[in-house]
Structures are given as structure tokens and as C-alpha cells.
Amino acid sequence: GSVDLYHDNSKKLETTSAGITVTGTVTATAFSGSGANLTNLPPSGGSFTAAASGALTAKDAVIVNSSGQAAKIVKTTAQQTPATSGTPGAVYAGTATTGQCIVYASSIDRFFCGYRRNSYIYGRMGQVVSGNAISWGAEIAVSPSNGSNPQVTFDASAGLPVYIWQGSSNTTPYCRPMGINTSNNTMSHGTTFQIGTNAANNPNIVYDESAQRCVMVWQQSNDNKVVTKYIDVTNATTATVYPSTTGYGTYLSSNNGQSQSMGICYDPDASKVVAFWRETSGTHSGKTAVCSITTPSSGGSASTIGSTSYWISANNYVPTGFTCDYDKKENRVVTAYTNAATSYQNIQIAVGVWNGSTYGMGTNHGNSVGSTNGLLYSTYDSTAERVVVAWGEQSPQSKIRSFSIGGSGYTVTESSIGDLDDAARSLGYYNGRTGFADYPTGGGMMMIFRDDGYSDHVNTLFVTSAVPSTNLNTGNFGGFVASSVSSGQTATINTIGGTTSWTASTLTPGTKYYVQADGTLGTSVDTLSGSVSAGLALTSSTLLIK
């Protein structure tokens, strides 16, 4: 039968056929056995509660602020007038001629540059070692003979830089992948390809991320047509030019084109290369044209050329010196050019948006500047989330100046103009998309130029156009919100030892993730916030917080 135990006439324990019933608190030095049927336990793993500072959504990464509240991790960017940081860094401390280019390969944290001296194209590979100073490896001659107008891109699939230039003796276009050694930042010669049999002007190159091939565009001098080819790189000595190394490239238009008003960039949203040129014959003579280039990801068929759109009137605007780049935040192409119709004392900005069949271009937006030399640079600054444009002025004072381009859709707003250098300096030749290199690790851009004010040396300058900040640091990360709450309500935060569902991006199981400065997850440390561990991916959508 039942046995009861009392304390001061109050029953505390009763035996039953199923076990015992206790009234009150059980205190013991240890417990053993299954706890599967225990109720009112805290969630599995680590968690805590805190008042929400602002509305929180389930899965938000949060910090614990100075008031002990849970606040969503946010990153803010303060736009500023473009300005330089530090002093010019020497790439080549000797006399060089016009024509420089630079690109940053984030996957290997290296810069690759090209420049012209003694009528040859030379290149270097470098790495930032302290502050914004680049330590460059040994110089190497990229062109086996005289050349001019170099450009460079980084083939992320092959993991190599690919150079393009115009031959000086026969003026035909050439391209060359280069081998690299990251242990001592040196390059080695790859195979040189003569990519056309006709004279060429202003060769351009860009990496097509979707096709994983490098797309090249230039003007053929024999018929003045703008053409394209692409190169599929396996390694520095194994590559194939399509449709062929000889013969004409694929025509972008049946009309003649002007090379000075030519530029290309890559649109990652449409997975297409965008090409611009100014036509000099036919119905649209004098107008600037734009089209898409779709590169096949396999095989060797010719690229598909999209419909052409014409957008700059022949009379009011005469583009001479042209650059373009893709605004990844606003999903649009930003173009800039100097206007010869106003004695180069005007820089025009216009943006284009892919509409499913072509790029619709907005109206031109002019800016009065000093007398320019018609040469421009541009790049997308991923820190500022804007395209930045730079140009050289000849009067009233020789200098390099710059502004950033804001707005959305077809609207254009510019920052105030900043002076990047107040001495006589020269930018690259004509198209300047590769004169700036986006450098997100450093929070800005690296610019390459010929230093006319210092014996025509080739130098670099670090340029910033925005200052980012975040409320996350290495000591205040709290965890992830379990369920959505309004501001002021009590939030449950899953923390170390717990798990969280993550659907904002696909995780790779077995991979360590870090909290980024904007509250997202990444596989590398965000330099802005420092090393903040998020945890280990258990599945594509589950993270063990640690």
C-alpha cells in the first residue's frame, strides 16, 4: 500500500504503484537516469533573454548593447568626398609613358598591374603589407615586343591574371595569361596570343563570371568595326581564343565605330558583358551605342550579341574618353565620358538598366569641370557601394579629381568633387575601367597613374569615398534571435552551445562561419568588425553556435 512521509504534519512524499510523488523542492548532490519526460526546461543548448532594442526578426544576429539590450547588428556607410590616404607608392621608379592598369584579386589577396616603358608592356604582382603600401614583386615584360594601351583582368576560374594590349609594330591586339607565384609575388610568362590579324585600337578585357571566360573588345582598323572575341584559360600556357585567333572577331554592329568612346564591363545580375562604342557611319552616325554580349560557357561558338540601343545625340555630346562600370547595389551600369563639344570642360554621367532585351539608358547628367585631357577612370567601390569616377585636368591647374555616383534607377547624384592629387599627373589611355581597383579589404580603391610631377614614375594611391562603421565588435556578439519580437519586448537569444536556423544564405556543412559587420555570415573574418565566430554549419540551413 501507500507510504506517506510528513514534515510538521505536512505530507511531502507519497509512494504509489508508479513511483513516488513529491510535494516541494528536491535537492540532491547528483541525478542519474533519463530526463526525457522532464518539462519546463530551457531550450536545448545555450540561450538567454533580453529586452529588444528595436524590432527583432527571427534569425537576426544581435549584439548586447551597453544597456544590456539585444540589438540587431547593422553596418552603416558615411559617404564622403573622394580623398587619398597615405603617400604615392612606387610601382616603377623610372620614366614611363601613358598607359597603366591595375586589378585586385580578392581570392588570393593580390594586385596585378601593367604599365608601358621603353615601348614594352611590363607587369608586376603585389600585396599590401602595411597600411595601404603595396610590396611589389619583380618586374616582368608582359609583351614580347613593342606594345601600348595595356589592360588586365583576373580570371577567377584559372586563378591567373590575363593581359591585353595593342602591338606597336603591327598594331594588332595581343593577349597573354601569366603564371603566378604567391610565395614571392612574381609572375612568369604564359603563351602570347595574337587575337586578330588586323590592326586594332583600344583593346578592352573583362572577366565574365558566368561563362568563366575573359571577353575582349576592340576596334578593327581595317574596317573600323567594333568586334569581340573571348579566351578560355586553363593555365598560363594552355588557353584557346574563340571563335579563332585569326580572322575577324564577332561584330557588335555593322556600322563603323570609334575606339575612344568604347568601354566594357560585366553585369553579374544579367550574366552579360555590357559594351559601349560611338558609331561613325550609318543611320546612327555620331551616336553612342550599347549592347550585351553573352559568352558561351562551353564550346567555341561565337558570342551572342544583343539588340543595340542608341542613346547619345550626335550634336550635343561628343564622347571622347569613356569609362563604365557596374553598380552592384543598384543593379545598373554607370557610364562617364568627357564631352568634346564643350572643349572637354564637361563630364557626362548616364546610367543604364537591363530591361530583358537591351540596356535602356537614362538622360545625360553634366558636370562642369576644368579642362580635362579626355582620360577617365572608374570602378565600383564596394565599401561605398557606388561607382567612383576620376579624371585628369590640365587647367586651371594640373590635377587628378574625382566624385562618386549615387542615386537609384535612372537618377544620378554626385558627391562633391575631391582632389586626389594637386600636381601634374596622368591617368591611363582612353578607357579607364582598369585604372582603379576595388579594394574592399582596405575599405577603398587603389589607383594607378603616371606621376608627371615626379619624373614620370608609375605610382599607386589609395582612395576612399566612404567610411563604414558597425555596432559589432569582437566582444559584444550575443547570438541569434529565436523568434520575432517588437521593440521593448523580451527576446530569447540562442547563443553558444545552441543552434539556429539560417535561411538568408546556403551554408556548407562542416564549414566554420564568422559574423560579418552587417549581420550576415561569411567564411572569412570581416576586417571592419574583427574576428567574431558564428559557429559551425551542421546542415545547409542549421548552424551550431560556437
Protein backbone atom coordinates (compact mmCIF):
# COMPACT_ATOMS: atom_id res chain seq x y z
CA GLY A 1 0.00 0.00 0.00
CA SER A 2 0.89 3.68 0.02
CA VAL A 3 3.53 5.04 2.39
CA ASP A 4 3.48 8.74 3.30
CA LEU A 5 6.20 10.93 4.81
CA TYR A 6 5.28 14.16 6.66
CA HIS A 7 7.16 17.21 7.89
CA ASP A 8 5.35 19.18 10.66
CA ASN A 9 2.11 17.43 9.71
CA SER A 10 2.59 18.39 6.01
CA LYS A 11 2.85 15.48 3.57
CA LYS A 12 5.98 15.76 1.49
CA LEU A 13 6.36 12.29 -0.11
CA GLU A 14 3.93 9.56 -1.08
CA THR A 15 4.68 6.21 -2.66
CA THR A 16 2.46 4.97 -5.49
CA SER A 17 2.33 1.93 -7.75
CA ALA A 18 4.10 4.02 -10.44
CA GLY A 19 6.76 5.56 -8.20
CA ILE A 20 6.69 8.49 -5.78
CA THR A 21 5.03 11.90 -5.65
CA VAL A 22 6.96 14.74 -4.05
CA THR A 23 5.41 17.98 -2.84
CA GLY A 24 8.05 20.74 -2.61
CA THR A 25 11.65 21.03 -3.79
CA VAL A 26 14.01 18.09 -4.31
CA THR A 27 17.66 18.85 -3.56
CA ALA A 28 20.39 16.32 -4.40
CA THR A 29 24.14 16.27 -4.99
CA ALA A 30 23.60 14.45 -8.30
CA PHE A 31 20.96 12.92 -10.56
CA SER A 32 21.24 10.00 -12.97
CA GLY A 33 18.95 8.34 -15.45
CA SER A 34 16.76 9.62 -18.28
CA GLY A 35 15.31 13.11 -18.15
CA ALA A 36 13.25 12.60 -21.29
CA ASN A 37 9.92 13.36 -19.62
CA LEU A 38 11.03 16.46 -17.70
CA THR A 39 9.03 19.60 -18.54
CA ASN A 40 9.52 23.40 -18.32
CA LEU A 41 13.22 23.09 -19.19
CA PRO A 42 15.07 25.90 -21.03
CA PRO A 43 15.69 25.38 -24.76
CA SER A 44 18.39 22.87 -25.68
CA GLY A 45 21.86 24.42 -25.82
CA GLY A 46 22.64 27.94 -24.67
CA SER A 47 20.10 30.76 -24.61
CA PHE A 48 19.29 33.89 -22.66
CA THR A 49 16.62 36.57 -22.64
CA ALA A 50 17.00 40.32 -23.03
CA ALA A 51 14.83 43.32 -23.87
CA ALA A 52 14.78 44.08 -27.59
CA SER A 53 16.29 47.41 -28.63
CA GLY A 54 14.23 47.90 -31.76
CA ALA A 55 12.14 45.26 -33.51
CA LEU A 56 13.93 41.95 -33.99
CA THR A 57 13.16 39.26 -36.55
CA ALA A 58 13.76 35.56 -36.05
CA LYS A 59 17.33 34.57 -37.01
CA ASP A 60 18.65 38.15 -36.71
CA ALA A 61 22.23 38.26 -35.46
CA VAL A 62 22.35 40.57 -32.43
CA ILE A 63 24.76 42.27 -30.07
CA VAL A 64 24.22 43.04 -26.39
CA ASN A 65 24.48 46.83 -26.15
CA SER A 66 25.71 48.94 -23.23
CA SER A 67 22.20 48.91 -21.72
CA GLY A 68 22.08 45.12 -21.69
CA GLN A 69 19.55 45.04 -24.54
CA ALA A 70 19.61 42.87 -27.64
CA ALA A 71 20.15 45.00 -30.77
CA LYS A 72 20.32 43.92 -34.40
CA ILE A 73 23.78 44.04 -35.98
CA VAL A 74 23.90 46.84 -38.53
CA LYS A 75 26.54 48.32 -40.81
CA THR A 76 26.36 51.97 -41.86
CA THR A 77 28.32 53.83 -44.52
CA ALA A 78 29.06 57.55 -44.33
CA GLN A 79 29.64 58.88 -47.87
CA GLN A 80 32.42 61.41 -48.28
CA THR A 81 34.21 63.35 -50.97
CA PRO A 82 36.78 61.00 -52.56
CA ALA A 83 40.16 61.54 -50.94
CA THR A 84 43.54 59.85 -50.86
CA SER A 85 45.10 58.16 -47.89
CA GLY A 86 48.85 57.94 -47.45
CA THR A 87 51.52 58.88 -49.97
CA PRO A 88 52.04 57.62 -53.53
CA GLY A 89 53.61 54.18 -53.66
CA ALA A 90 56.15 53.46 -56.36
CA VAL A 91 55.41 50.69 -58.86
CA TYR A 92 58.23 51.66 -61.21
CA ALA A 93 60.73 54.34 -60.15
CA GLY A 94 61.76 55.29 -63.66
CA THR A 95 60.42 57.07 -66.71
CA ALA A 96 57.23 55.57 -68.11
CA THR A 97 54.80 56.58 -70.83
CA THR A 98 50.99 56.84 -70.77
CA GLY A 99 49.15 53.56 -70.24
CA GLN A 100 48.66 51.90 -66.85
CA CYS A 101 46.23 49.35 -65.44
CA ILE A 102 45.59 47.55 -62.15
CA VAL A 103 43.26 44.82 -60.83
CA TYR A 104 42.75 43.25 -57.40
CA ALA A 105 42.19 39.51 -56.99
CA SER A 106 40.35 39.10 -53.69
CA SER A 107 40.57 35.29 -53.78
CA ILE A 108 44.35 35.44 -53.37
CA ASP A 109 44.66 38.98 -51.90
CA ARG A 110 46.99 40.21 -54.67
CA PHE A 111 47.22 43.17 -57.04
CA PHE A 112 48.32 42.89 -60.67
CA CYS A 113 49.37 45.95 -62.63
CA GLY A 114 50.59 46.81 -66.10
CA TYR A 115 52.41 49.83 -67.49
CA ARG A 116 54.33 50.94 -70.56
CA ARG A 117 58.00 51.88 -70.61
CA ASN A 118 60.68 51.66 -73.31
CA SER A 119 57.83 50.83 -75.72
CA TYR A 120 57.12 47.49 -73.96
CA ILE A 121 54.33 46.42 -71.61
CA TYR A 122 55.56 45.40 -68.16
CA GLY A 123 53.71 43.94 -65.21
CA ARG A 124 54.08 43.29 -61.51
CA MET A 125 52.29 41.32 -58.82
CA GLY A 126 51.98 42.82 -55.33
CA GLN A 127 50.43 42.61 -51.90
CA VAL A 128 49.54 45.17 -49.26
CA VAL A 129 51.92 44.54 -46.37
CA SER A 130 51.43 47.58 -44.13
CA GLY A 131 48.69 50.17 -44.16
CA ASN A 132 47.96 50.88 -47.81
CA ALA A 133 51.50 50.31 -49.09
CA ILE A 134 51.91 47.61 -51.74
CA SER A 135 55.03 45.45 -51.81
CA TRP A 136 55.61 44.60 -55.46
CA GLY A 137 57.39 41.54 -56.78
CA ALA A 138 59.91 41.51 -59.60
CA GLU A 139 59.05 43.30 -62.84
CA ILE A 140 58.39 41.16 -65.90
CA ALA A 141 57.95 42.07 -69.57
CA VAL A 142 54.39 41.07 -70.47
CA SER A 143 54.69 41.91 -74.18
CA PRO A 144 57.40 40.09 -76.15
CA SER A 145 57.64 43.10 -78.48
CA ASN A 146 56.61 46.75 -78.56
CA GLY A 147 53.11 47.41 -77.25
CA SER A 148 50.74 50.05 -75.89
CA ASN A 149 47.36 50.52 -74.18
CA PRO A 150 47.56 47.63 -71.67
CA GLN A 151 44.61 46.33 -69.70
CA VAL A 152 44.42 43.45 -67.22
CA THR A 153 41.72 41.31 -65.65
CA PHE A 154 41.82 38.37 -63.26
CA ASP A 155 40.46 35.05 -64.46
CA ALA A 156 38.98 33.67 -61.22
CA SER A 157 38.42 30.22 -62.72
CA ALA A 158 42.04 29.78 -63.82
CA GLY A 159 43.35 31.83 -60.88
CA LEU A 160 45.58 33.91 -63.17
CA PRO A 161 45.85 37.48 -64.50
CA VAL A 162 45.21 37.94 -68.23
CA TYR A 163 46.69 40.95 -70.05
CA ILE A 164 45.65 42.51 -73.35
CA TRP A 165 47.46 45.19 -75.35
CA GLN A 166 47.87 46.69 -78.77
CA GLY A 167 51.03 45.84 -80.68
CA SER A 168 53.07 48.88 -81.72
CA SER A 169 54.79 47.46 -84.79
CA ASN A 170 51.77 45.89 -86.49
CA THR A 171 49.11 47.39 -84.11
CA THR A 172 47.29 44.05 -83.88
CA PRO A 173 45.79 43.03 -80.49
CA TYR A 174 47.50 40.50 -78.24
CA CYS A 175 46.57 38.77 -75.02
CA ARG A 176 48.57 36.73 -72.54
CA PRO A 177 47.77 34.79 -69.37
CA MET A 178 50.58 34.96 -66.82
CA GLY A 179 51.74 32.34 -64.34
CA ILE A 180 51.98 33.43 -60.70
CA ASN A 181 53.93 32.52 -57.57
CA THR A 182 52.26 33.87 -54.43
CA SER A 183 55.20 32.97 -52.19
CA ASN A 184 57.38 35.70 -53.70
CA ASN A 185 54.80 37.69 -55.71
CA THR A 186 56.36 37.01 -59.09
CA MET A 187 54.82 36.28 -62.46
CA SER A 188 56.06 34.02 -65.24
CA HIS A 189 55.42 34.08 -68.97
CA GLY A 190 52.42 32.33 -70.37
CA THR A 191 51.55 31.83 -74.03
CA THR A 192 51.11 35.02 -76.08
CA PHE A 193 48.09 35.02 -78.40
CA GLN A 194 47.71 37.32 -81.39
CA ILE A 195 43.95 37.57 -81.19
CA GLY A 196 43.39 39.29 -84.53
CA THR A 197 45.08 39.65 -87.91
CA ASN A 198 44.06 43.27 -88.38
CA ALA A 199 45.23 46.46 -86.75
CA ALA A 200 43.36 47.26 -83.52
CA ASN A 201 42.57 50.28 -81.38
CA ASN A 202 41.86 50.44 -77.65
CA PRO A 203 41.60 46.75 -76.72
CA ASN A 204 39.43 46.05 -73.66
CA ILE A 205 39.15 42.93 -71.48
CA VAL A 206 36.82 41.85 -68.67
CA TYR A 207 36.16 38.55 -66.87
CA ASP A 208 32.73 37.02 -67.47
CA GLU A 209 31.91 35.36 -64.13
CA SER A 210 29.05 33.31 -65.54
CA ALA A 211 30.87 31.89 -68.57
CA GLN A 212 34.20 31.82 -66.66
CA ARG A 213 35.97 33.22 -69.70
CA CYS A 214 37.66 36.54 -70.48
CA VAL A 215 35.84 38.72 -73.01
CA MET A 216 37.81 41.08 -75.28
CA VAL A 217 36.52 44.01 -77.36
CA TRP A 218 38.40 46.33 -79.72
CA GLN A 219 38.07 48.33 -82.93
CA GLN A 220 39.49 46.80 -86.10
CA SER A 221 41.35 49.48 -88.04
CA ASN A 222 40.93 47.82 -91.43
CA ASP A 223 37.14 48.30 -91.46
CA ASN A 224 36.64 50.45 -88.31
CA LYS A 225 34.20 47.92 -86.86
CA VAL A 226 34.00 47.10 -83.14
CA VAL A 227 34.44 43.36 -82.56
CA THR A 228 34.65 40.84 -79.73
CA LYS A 229 36.38 37.54 -79.01
CA TYR A 230 36.89 35.56 -75.81
CA ILE A 231 39.65 33.42 -74.34
CA ASP A 232 39.17 30.24 -72.30
CA VAL A 233 42.18 29.91 -69.96
CA THR A 234 43.15 26.59 -68.39
CA ASN A 235 46.59 27.68 -67.21
CA ALA A 236 49.27 30.14 -68.27
CA THR A 237 50.36 28.04 -71.24
CA THR A 238 47.07 26.40 -72.16
CA ALA A 239 44.29 28.61 -73.46
CA THR A 240 42.07 28.93 -76.53
CA VAL A 241 40.83 32.07 -78.28
CA TYR A 242 37.32 31.85 -79.75
CA PRO A 243 35.95 31.93 -82.39
CA SER A 244 39.63 31.80 -83.59
CA THR A 245 42.94 33.58 -83.16
CA THR A 246 42.91 34.64 -86.80
CA GLY A 247 40.29 36.46 -88.80
CA TYR A 248 37.73 39.00 -87.71
CA GLY A 249 36.03 38.98 -84.37
CA THR A 250 32.27 38.92 -83.89
CA TYR A 251 30.83 42.27 -84.98
CA LEU A 252 28.91 44.27 -82.40
CA SER A 253 27.45 46.39 -85.21
CA SER A 254 27.60 46.55 -89.00
CA ASN A 255 28.41 50.26 -88.72
CA ASN A 256 31.82 51.82 -88.12
CA GLY A 257 32.81 52.57 -84.53
CA GLN A 258 35.11 54.99 -82.73
CA SER A 259 37.55 53.45 -80.30
CA GLN A 260 37.95 56.45 -77.98
CA SER A 261 34.31 56.15 -76.95
CA MET A 262 34.44 52.45 -76.19
CA GLY A 263 34.17 50.54 -72.93
CA ILE A 264 33.02 47.24 -71.43
CA CYS A 265 32.03 45.95 -68.00
CA TYR A 266 30.36 42.86 -66.56
CA ASP A 267 26.75 42.76 -65.35
CA PRO A 268 26.51 39.94 -62.75
CA ASP A 269 22.72 40.26 -62.47
CA ALA A 270 22.06 39.69 -66.17
CA SER A 271 25.20 37.48 -66.57
CA LYS A 272 26.26 39.53 -69.57
CA VAL A 273 29.10 41.78 -70.65
CA VAL A 274 27.95 45.31 -71.50
CA ALA A 275 29.69 47.04 -74.42
CA PHE A 276 29.65 50.70 -75.49
CA TRP A 277 31.00 52.39 -78.63
CA ARG A 278 30.38 55.50 -80.71
CA GLU A 279 29.26 54.89 -84.29
CA THR A 280 30.80 56.91 -87.10
CA SER A 281 28.73 55.74 -90.05
CA GLY A 282 25.19 54.68 -90.95
CA THR A 283 21.84 55.97 -89.70
CA HIS A 284 23.08 56.48 -86.16
CA SER A 285 26.41 58.10 -87.04
CA GLY A 286 27.67 60.17 -84.13
CA LYS A 287 25.55 58.40 -81.54
CA THR A 288 26.83 56.14 -78.78
CA ALA A 289 25.58 52.56 -78.85
CA VAL A 290 25.22 49.93 -76.14
CA CYS A 291 24.58 46.19 -76.39
CA SER A 292 25.00 42.99 -74.40
CA ILE A 293 27.48 40.20 -75.10
CA THR A 294 26.54 36.69 -73.96
CA THR A 295 29.54 34.39 -73.87
CA PRO A 296 29.07 30.60 -74.10
CA SER A 297 30.33 28.74 -71.03
CA SER A 298 31.46 25.74 -73.09
CA GLY A 299 32.39 25.00 -76.66
CA GLY A 300 33.76 27.55 -79.10
CA SER A 301 30.78 29.15 -80.79
CA ALA A 302 30.69 32.89 -81.30
CA SER A 303 29.27 35.14 -78.59
CA THR A 304 25.65 36.23 -78.88
CA ILE A 305 25.28 39.95 -79.48
CA GLY A 306 22.13 41.54 -78.04
CA SER A 307 20.00 44.30 -79.51
CA THR A 308 21.69 47.68 -79.89
CA SER A 309 20.34 50.77 -78.17
CA TYR A 310 21.41 54.30 -79.19
CA TRP A 311 21.33 56.98 -76.57
CA ILE A 312 23.70 59.92 -77.00
CA SER A 313 22.67 62.57 -79.50
CA ALA A 314 25.21 63.31 -82.21
CA ASN A 315 25.11 67.09 -81.95
CA ASN A 316 25.16 67.98 -78.27
CA TYR A 317 27.52 65.33 -76.95
CA VAL A 318 30.78 64.09 -78.42
CA PRO A 319 32.21 61.41 -76.13
CA THR A 320 36.00 61.33 -76.21
CA GLY A 321 37.38 59.33 -73.35
CA PHE A 322 34.86 56.86 -71.97
CA THR A 323 34.57 54.59 -68.96
CA CYS A 324 31.87 52.39 -67.44
CA ASP A 325 31.34 50.05 -64.53
CA TYR A 326 28.50 48.14 -62.89
CA ASP A 327 26.77 49.41 -59.75
CA LYS A 328 26.17 46.15 -57.86
CA LYS A 329 23.99 47.75 -55.20
CA GLU A 330 21.58 49.47 -57.59
CA ASN A 331 21.86 46.86 -60.36
CA ARG A 332 22.72 49.31 -63.13
CA VAL A 333 25.55 50.34 -65.45
CA VAL A 334 27.16 53.72 -64.78
CA THR A 335 28.93 55.47 -67.66
CA ALA A 336 31.11 58.57 -67.71
CA TYR A 337 32.73 60.43 -70.59
CA THR A 338 34.35 63.74 -71.39
CA ASN A 339 32.41 65.91 -73.83
CA ALA A 340 34.49 67.24 -76.73
CA ALA A 341 31.56 69.50 -77.69
CA THR A 342 32.37 71.63 -74.63
CA SER A 343 36.17 71.64 -75.08
CA TYR A 344 36.40 68.74 -72.63
CA GLN A 345 35.24 71.00 -69.79
CA ASN A 346 32.29 68.79 -69.02
CA ILE A 347 31.93 65.25 -67.71
CA GLN A 348 28.69 63.50 -68.57
CA ILE A 349 27.16 60.73 -66.44
CA ALA A 350 24.38 58.38 -67.52
CA VAL A 351 23.11 55.05 -66.21
CA GLY A 352 21.65 52.03 -67.95
CA VAL A 353 19.32 49.29 -66.74
CA TRP A 354 18.81 45.86 -68.32
CA ASN A 355 15.17 45.51 -69.40
CA GLY A 356 15.31 41.91 -70.56
CA SER A 357 16.36 42.59 -74.13
CA THR A 358 18.71 45.57 -74.05
CA TYR A 359 20.06 48.32 -71.80
CA GLY A 360 17.77 51.30 -71.52
CA MET A 361 19.84 54.42 -70.87
CA GLY A 362 18.78 57.42 -68.84
CA THR A 363 19.37 61.07 -69.68
CA ASN A 364 22.85 62.57 -69.59
CA HIS A 365 23.81 64.45 -66.46
CA GLY A 366 26.56 67.04 -66.98
CA ASN A 367 29.17 68.41 -64.59
CA SER A 368 31.29 71.46 -65.31
CA VAL A 369 34.95 70.84 -64.55
CA GLY A 370 38.30 72.24 -65.59
CA SER A 371 39.79 71.46 -68.99
CA THR A 372 40.39 67.71 -69.00
CA ASN A 373 42.76 65.61 -71.07
CA GLY A 374 39.91 63.29 -72.06
CA LEU A 375 41.14 60.42 -69.86
CA LEU A 376 38.93 58.81 -67.23
CA TYR A 377 39.00 56.12 -64.55
CA SER A 378 36.09 54.38 -62.85
CA THR A 379 35.37 51.41 -60.61
CA TYR A 380 32.64 50.15 -58.31
CA ASP A 381 33.71 50.90 -54.75
CA SER A 382 32.16 48.04 -52.77
CA THR A 383 32.81 49.88 -49.50
CA ALA A 384 30.88 52.99 -50.59
CA GLU A 385 28.51 50.88 -52.72
CA ARG A 386 28.89 53.43 -55.50
CA VAL A 387 30.75 53.82 -58.78
CA VAL A 388 33.62 56.31 -58.46
CA VAL A 389 34.89 58.34 -61.43
CA ALA A 390 38.27 60.11 -61.68
CA TRP A 391 39.74 62.32 -64.38
CA GLY A 392 42.80 64.43 -65.11
CA GLU A 393 42.56 68.20 -65.54
CA GLN A 394 45.04 70.36 -67.45
CA SER A 395 43.79 73.78 -66.38
CA PRO A 396 43.36 75.94 -64.39
CA GLN A 397 45.67 73.54 -62.53
CA SER A 398 47.03 70.11 -63.42
CA LYS A 399 45.50 67.60 -61.02
CA ILE A 400 43.52 64.39 -60.70
CA ARG A 401 39.96 64.87 -59.44
CA SER A 402 37.09 62.53 -58.56
CA PHE A 403 33.49 62.13 -57.40
CA SER A 404 31.21 59.18 -56.58
CA ILE A 405 27.86 58.45 -58.26
CA GLY A 406 24.77 57.86 -56.13
CA GLY A 407 21.06 57.61 -56.85
CA SER A 408 18.86 54.72 -57.91
CA GLY A 409 17.17 53.62 -61.11
CA TYR A 410 17.90 56.25 -63.74
CA THR A 411 18.55 59.07 -61.27
CA VAL A 412 22.07 60.38 -60.77
CA THR A 413 23.51 62.25 -57.81
CA GLU A 414 27.18 63.07 -57.41
CA SER A 415 29.25 63.66 -54.34
CA SER A 416 31.28 66.85 -54.14
CA ILE A 417 34.48 66.82 -56.20
CA GLY A 418 37.64 65.78 -54.41
CA ASP A 419 41.23 66.45 -55.45
CA LEU A 420 43.19 63.22 -55.48
CA ASP A 421 46.43 64.88 -56.45
CA ASP A 422 47.39 68.51 -56.92
CA ALA A 423 50.45 68.03 -59.10
CA ALA A 424 50.74 67.22 -62.79
CA ARG A 425 49.54 63.64 -63.01
CA SER A 426 48.32 61.48 -65.93
CA LEU A 427 45.71 58.75 -66.00
CA GLY A 428 45.62 55.75 -68.30
CA TYR A 429 44.85 55.86 -72.00
CA TYR A 430 41.19 56.24 -73.04
CA ASN A 431 39.07 53.57 -71.35
CA GLY A 432 39.90 53.63 -67.66
CA ARG A 433 37.87 50.86 -66.07
CA THR A 434 41.14 49.15 -65.10
CA GLY A 435 42.83 52.28 -63.76
CA PHE A 436 41.06 51.84 -60.43
CA ALA A 437 40.98 48.57 -58.47
CA ASP A 438 38.25 48.00 -55.91
CA TYR A 439 39.98 47.02 -52.67
CA PRO A 440 37.28 46.00 -50.14
CA THR A 441 39.84 44.57 -47.70
CA GLY A 442 41.26 48.06 -47.27
CA GLY A 443 37.91 49.84 -47.45
CA GLY A 444 38.54 51.77 -50.67
CA MET A 445 40.23 51.66 -54.07
CA MET A 446 43.76 51.55 -55.41
CA MET A 447 44.54 53.95 -58.25
CA ILE A 448 47.49 53.62 -60.64
CA PHE A 449 48.86 56.59 -62.60
CA ARG A 450 51.92 58.08 -64.24
CA ASP A 451 53.37 60.69 -61.92
CA ASP A 452 54.21 63.59 -64.24
CA GLY A 453 55.15 65.63 -61.19
CA TYR A 454 57.78 63.09 -60.20
CA SER A 455 59.86 62.16 -63.25
CA ASP A 456 57.04 60.18 -64.89
CA HIS A 457 57.24 57.35 -62.37
CA VAL A 458 54.39 54.83 -62.14
CA ASN A 459 52.72 55.13 -58.73
CA THR A 460 49.66 53.98 -56.83
CA LEU A 461 47.42 55.90 -54.43
CA PHE A 462 44.80 54.55 -52.03
CA VAL A 463 41.47 56.34 -52.43
CA THR A 464 38.47 56.32 -50.08
CA SER A 465 34.99 57.62 -50.86
CA ALA A 466 33.13 56.34 -47.80
CA VAL A 467 33.75 55.44 -44.17
CA PRO A 468 31.94 52.29 -42.96
CA SER A 469 31.10 51.51 -39.35
CA THR A 470 29.29 48.75 -37.44
CA ASN A 471 27.90 48.21 -33.94
CA LEU A 472 29.53 44.75 -33.86
CA ASN A 473 32.93 44.14 -32.27
CA THR A 474 34.84 41.12 -31.03
CA GLY A 475 33.34 41.34 -27.54
CA ASN A 476 29.62 42.16 -27.87
CA PHE A 477 28.15 39.43 -30.09
CA GLY A 478 25.13 37.87 -28.37
CA GLY A 479 23.71 35.27 -30.72
CA PHE A 480 20.65 34.80 -32.92
CA VAL A 481 17.03 35.74 -32.22
CA ALA A 482 14.81 32.69 -31.61
CA SER A 483 11.52 34.35 -32.65
CA SER A 484 10.40 37.79 -33.77
CA VAL A 485 9.59 40.41 -31.12
CA SER A 486 8.70 44.08 -31.06
CA SER A 487 10.92 46.75 -29.55
CA GLY A 488 10.90 46.57 -25.76
CA GLN A 489 9.60 43.00 -25.62
CA THR A 490 11.64 40.18 -24.12
CA ALA A 491 13.58 38.30 -26.76
CA THR A 492 15.06 34.82 -26.45
CA ILE A 493 18.54 34.72 -27.93
CA ASN A 494 20.12 31.42 -28.97
CA THR A 495 23.79 31.62 -28.07
CA ILE A 496 26.92 29.47 -27.68
CA GLY A 497 26.04 25.80 -27.40
CA GLY A 498 22.68 26.26 -29.12
CA THR A 499 21.67 26.06 -32.75
CA THR A 500 19.92 28.45 -35.09
CA SER A 501 18.15 28.05 -38.37
CA TRP A 502 19.73 30.14 -41.14
CA THR A 503 17.98 30.74 -44.46
CA ALA A 504 19.45 34.08 -45.59
CA SER A 505 22.13 32.12 -47.47
CA THR A 506 23.03 28.49 -48.07
CA LEU A 507 25.56 27.10 -45.62
CA THR A 508 28.20 24.46 -46.38
CA PRO A 509 28.07 21.67 -43.77
CA GLY A 510 31.29 21.28 -41.81
CA THR A 511 32.39 24.86 -42.54
CA LYS A 512 33.19 27.47 -39.89
CA TYR A 513 31.37 30.79 -40.28
CA TYR A 514 32.04 34.28 -38.97
CA VAL A 515 29.57 37.06 -38.24
CA GLN A 516 30.06 39.89 -40.72
CA ALA A 517 29.85 43.61 -39.98
CA ASP A 518 26.31 43.76 -41.44
CA GLY A 519 25.00 40.74 -39.52
CA THR A 520 25.32 38.23 -42.35
CA LEU A 521 27.53 35.13 -42.24
CA GLY A 522 30.76 34.56 -44.12
CA THR A 523 33.60 32.06 -44.21
CA SER A 524 36.26 34.72 -43.57
CA VAL A 525 36.80 37.38 -40.94
CA ASP A 526 35.30 40.80 -41.68
CA THR A 527 38.10 43.30 -41.16
CA LEU A 528 35.67 46.01 -40.05
CA SER A 529 34.24 44.10 -37.08
CA GLY A 530 37.16 41.78 -36.38
CA SER A 531 37.07 38.05 -35.77
CA VAL A 532 33.58 37.17 -34.47
CA SER A 533 32.85 33.44 -34.59
CA ALA A 534 29.32 32.46 -35.56
CA GLY A 535 29.72 28.70 -35.42
CA LEU A 536 29.84 25.50 -37.43
CA ALA A 537 27.36 24.63 -40.18
CA LEU A 538 25.61 21.33 -39.41
CA THR A 539 23.41 21.40 -42.50
CA SER A 540 22.77 23.85 -45.33
CA SER A 541 20.39 25.76 -43.04
CA THR A 542 21.46 24.90 -39.46
CA LEU A 543 24.30 26.47 -37.52
CA LEU A 544 25.82 25.21 -34.26
CA ILE A 545 26.68 28.41 -32.41
CA LYS A 546 30.21 28.29 -31.04
